[in-house]
């Protein structure tokens, strides 16, 4: 599975090193911490798999994949539930 930003529903800007997201369908906004912003930047550039994102987190933050996996899955689930990212086969 890969994930990508839903460009029809998600507007975003970077403010002071963090991503601020707006769901255009609901008008709700969200703020991501620096690691979440790093993930968002990857997804905004092109579709990415969970494994690809985990490898990038490990390389960027020296954070073990095993430790980052649950947090990444939780973030992807939340972004998908809010309609900000799309999961593709």
C-alpha atoms as a PDB file:
ATOM      1  CA  UNK A   1       0.000   0.000   0.000  1.00  0.00           C
ATOM      2  CA  UNK A   2       1.056   3.552  -0.658  1.00  0.00           C
ATOM      3  CA  UNK A   3      -0.271   6.799   0.726  1.00  0.00           C
ATOM      4  CA  UNK A   4      -0.612  10.186  -0.922  1.00  0.00           C
ATOM      5  CA  UNK A   5      -2.004  13.586  -0.026  1.00  0.00           C
ATOM      6  CA  UNK A   6      -5.590  14.113  -1.167  1.00  0.00           C
ATOM      7  CA  UNK A   7      -4.929  17.320  -3.065  1.00  0.00           C
ATOM      8  CA  UNK A   8      -8.652  17.979  -3.512  1.00  0.00           C
ATOM      9  CA  UNK A   9      -9.359  18.028   0.240  1.00  0.00           C
ATOM     10  CA  UNK A  10      -6.087  18.990   1.891  1.00  0.00           C
ATOM     11  CA  UNK A  11      -4.562  22.440   1.867  1.00  0.00           C
ATOM     12  CA  UNK A  12      -1.348  22.939   3.794  1.00  0.00           C
ATOM     13  CA  UNK A  13       1.292  25.456   4.703  1.00  0.00           C
ATOM     14  CA  UNK A  14       4.495  25.267   6.691  1.00  0.00           C
ATOM     15  CA  UNK A  15       4.646  27.642   9.639  1.00  0.00           C
ATOM     16  CA  UNK A  16       7.698  27.808  11.904  1.00  0.00           C
ATOM     17  CA  UNK A  17       8.858  24.386  10.751  1.00  0.00           C
ATOM     18  CA  UNK A  18       5.514  22.658  11.274  1.00  0.00           C
ATOM     19  CA  UNK A  19       2.792  21.705   8.817  1.00  0.00           C
ATOM     20  CA  UNK A  20      -0.656  23.201   9.251  1.00  0.00           C
ATOM     21  CA  UNK A  21      -3.297  21.232   7.351  1.00  0.00           C
ATOM     22  CA  UNK A  22      -6.826  22.276   6.444  1.00  0.00           C
ATOM     23  CA  UNK A  23      -9.496  19.834   5.340  1.00  0.00           C
ATOM     24  CA  UNK A  24     -11.466  21.830   2.753  1.00  0.00           C
ATOM     25  CA  UNK A  25     -14.518  19.572   3.134  1.00  0.00           C
ATOM     26  CA  UNK A  26     -14.870  20.122   6.890  1.00  0.00           C
ATOM     27  CA  UNK A  27     -12.874  23.345   7.463  1.00  0.00           C
ATOM     28  CA  UNK A  28     -11.042  21.626  10.323  1.00  0.00           C
ATOM     29  CA  UNK A  29      -7.359  22.336  10.674  1.00  0.00           C
ATOM     30  CA  UNK A  30      -4.544  20.266  12.107  1.00  0.00           C
ATOM     31  CA  UNK A  31      -0.986  20.973  13.191  1.00  0.00           C
ATOM     32  CA  UNK A  32       1.797  18.411  12.903  1.00  0.00           C
ATOM     33  CA  UNK A  33       4.908  18.186  15.036  1.00  0.00           C
ATOM     34  CA  UNK A  34       8.326  18.148  13.318  1.00  0.00           C
ATOM     35  CA  UNK A  35       8.320  14.390  12.636  1.00  0.00           C
ATOM     36  CA  UNK A  36       4.730  14.543  11.385  1.00  0.00           C
ATOM     37  CA  UNK A  37       5.742  17.451   9.163  1.00  0.00           C
ATOM     38  CA  UNK A  38       8.646  15.402   7.794  1.00  0.00           C
ATOM     39  CA  UNK A  39       6.191  12.609   6.941  1.00  0.00           C
ATOM     40  CA  UNK A  40       3.727  15.069   5.389  1.00  0.00           C
ATOM     41  CA  UNK A  41       6.469  16.572   3.208  1.00  0.00           C
ATOM     42  CA  UNK A  42       7.304  13.103   1.916  1.00  0.00           C
ATOM     43  CA  UNK A  43       3.651  12.370   1.114  1.00  0.00           C
ATOM     44  CA  UNK A  44       3.168  15.767  -0.520  1.00  0.00           C
ATOM     45  CA  UNK A  45       6.115  15.109  -2.844  1.00  0.00           C
ATOM     46  CA  UNK A  46       4.828  11.760  -4.123  1.00  0.00           C
ATOM     47  CA  UNK A  47       3.024   8.613  -2.949  1.00  0.00           C
ATOM     48  CA  UNK A  48       5.036   6.607  -0.424  1.00  0.00           C
ATOM     49  CA  UNK A  49       4.770   3.209   1.208  1.00  0.00           C
ATOM     50  CA  UNK A  50       4.840   2.761   4.955  1.00  0.00           C
ATOM     51  CA  UNK A  51       8.185   0.946   4.663  1.00  0.00           C
ATOM     52  CA  UNK A  52       9.678   3.794   2.637  1.00  0.00           C
ATOM     53  CA  UNK A  53       8.552   6.357   5.216  1.00  0.00           C
ATOM     54  CA  UNK A  54       9.933   4.261   8.069  1.00  0.00           C
ATOM     55  CA  UNK A  55      13.340   3.981   6.390  1.00  0.00           C
ATOM     56  CA  UNK A  56      13.412   7.766   5.908  1.00  0.00           C
ATOM     57  CA  UNK A  57      12.504   8.371   9.562  1.00  0.00           C
ATOM     58  CA  UNK A  58      15.251   6.011  10.661  1.00  0.00           C
ATOM     59  CA  UNK A  59      17.785   7.769   8.429  1.00  0.00           C
ATOM     60  CA  UNK A  60      16.716  11.319   9.345  1.00  0.00           C
ATOM     61  CA  UNK A  61      16.192  10.885  13.088  1.00  0.00           C
ATOM     62  CA  UNK A  62      18.267   7.772  13.911  1.00  0.00           C
ATOM     63  CA  UNK A  63      15.032   6.341  15.302  1.00  0.00           C
ATOM     64  CA  UNK A  64      14.661   2.538  15.031  1.00  0.00           C
ATOM     65  CA  UNK A  65      11.988   1.334  12.611  1.00  0.00           C
ATOM     66  CA  UNK A  66      10.497  -0.907  15.298  1.00  0.00           C
ATOM     67  CA  UNK A  67       9.889   2.070  17.569  1.00  0.00           C
ATOM     68  CA  UNK A  68       8.573   4.407  14.848  1.00  0.00           C
ATOM     69  CA  UNK A  69       6.200   1.892  13.237  1.00  0.00           C
ATOM     70  CA  UNK A  70       3.247   2.149  15.651  1.00  0.00           C
ATOM     71  CA  UNK A  71       3.368   5.957  15.681  1.00  0.00           C
ATOM     72  CA  UNK A  72       3.547   6.112  11.889  1.00  0.00           C
ATOM     73  CA  UNK A  73       0.613   3.715  11.490  1.00  0.00           C
ATOM     74  CA  UNK A  74      -1.404   5.793  13.955  1.00  0.00           C
ATOM     75  CA  UNK A  75      -0.650   9.038  12.092  1.00  0.00           C
ATOM     76  CA  UNK A  76      -1.457   7.508   8.698  1.00  0.00           C
ATOM     77  CA  UNK A  77      -4.711   6.118  10.099  1.00  0.00           C
ATOM     78  CA  UNK A  78      -5.675   9.526  11.508  1.00  0.00           C
ATOM     79  CA  UNK A  79      -4.804  11.383   8.295  1.00  0.00           C
ATOM     80  CA  UNK A  80      -6.747   8.844   6.255  1.00  0.00           C
ATOM     81  CA  UNK A  81      -9.745   9.002   8.619  1.00  0.00           C
ATOM     82  CA  UNK A  82      -9.766  12.786   8.314  1.00  0.00           C
ATOM     83  CA  UNK A  83      -9.694  12.569   4.516  1.00  0.00           C
ATOM     84  CA  UNK A  84      -6.297  14.217   4.177  1.00  0.00           C
ATOM     85  CA  UNK A  85      -4.466  11.256   2.662  1.00  0.00           C
ATOM     86  CA  UNK A  86      -5.569   8.465   0.365  1.00  0.00           C
ATOM     87  CA  UNK A  87      -4.424   4.864   0.617  1.00  0.00           C
ATOM     88  CA  UNK A  88      -3.707   3.250  -2.735  1.00  0.00           C
ATOM     89  CA  UNK A  89      -3.064  -0.382  -3.627  1.00  0.00           C
END
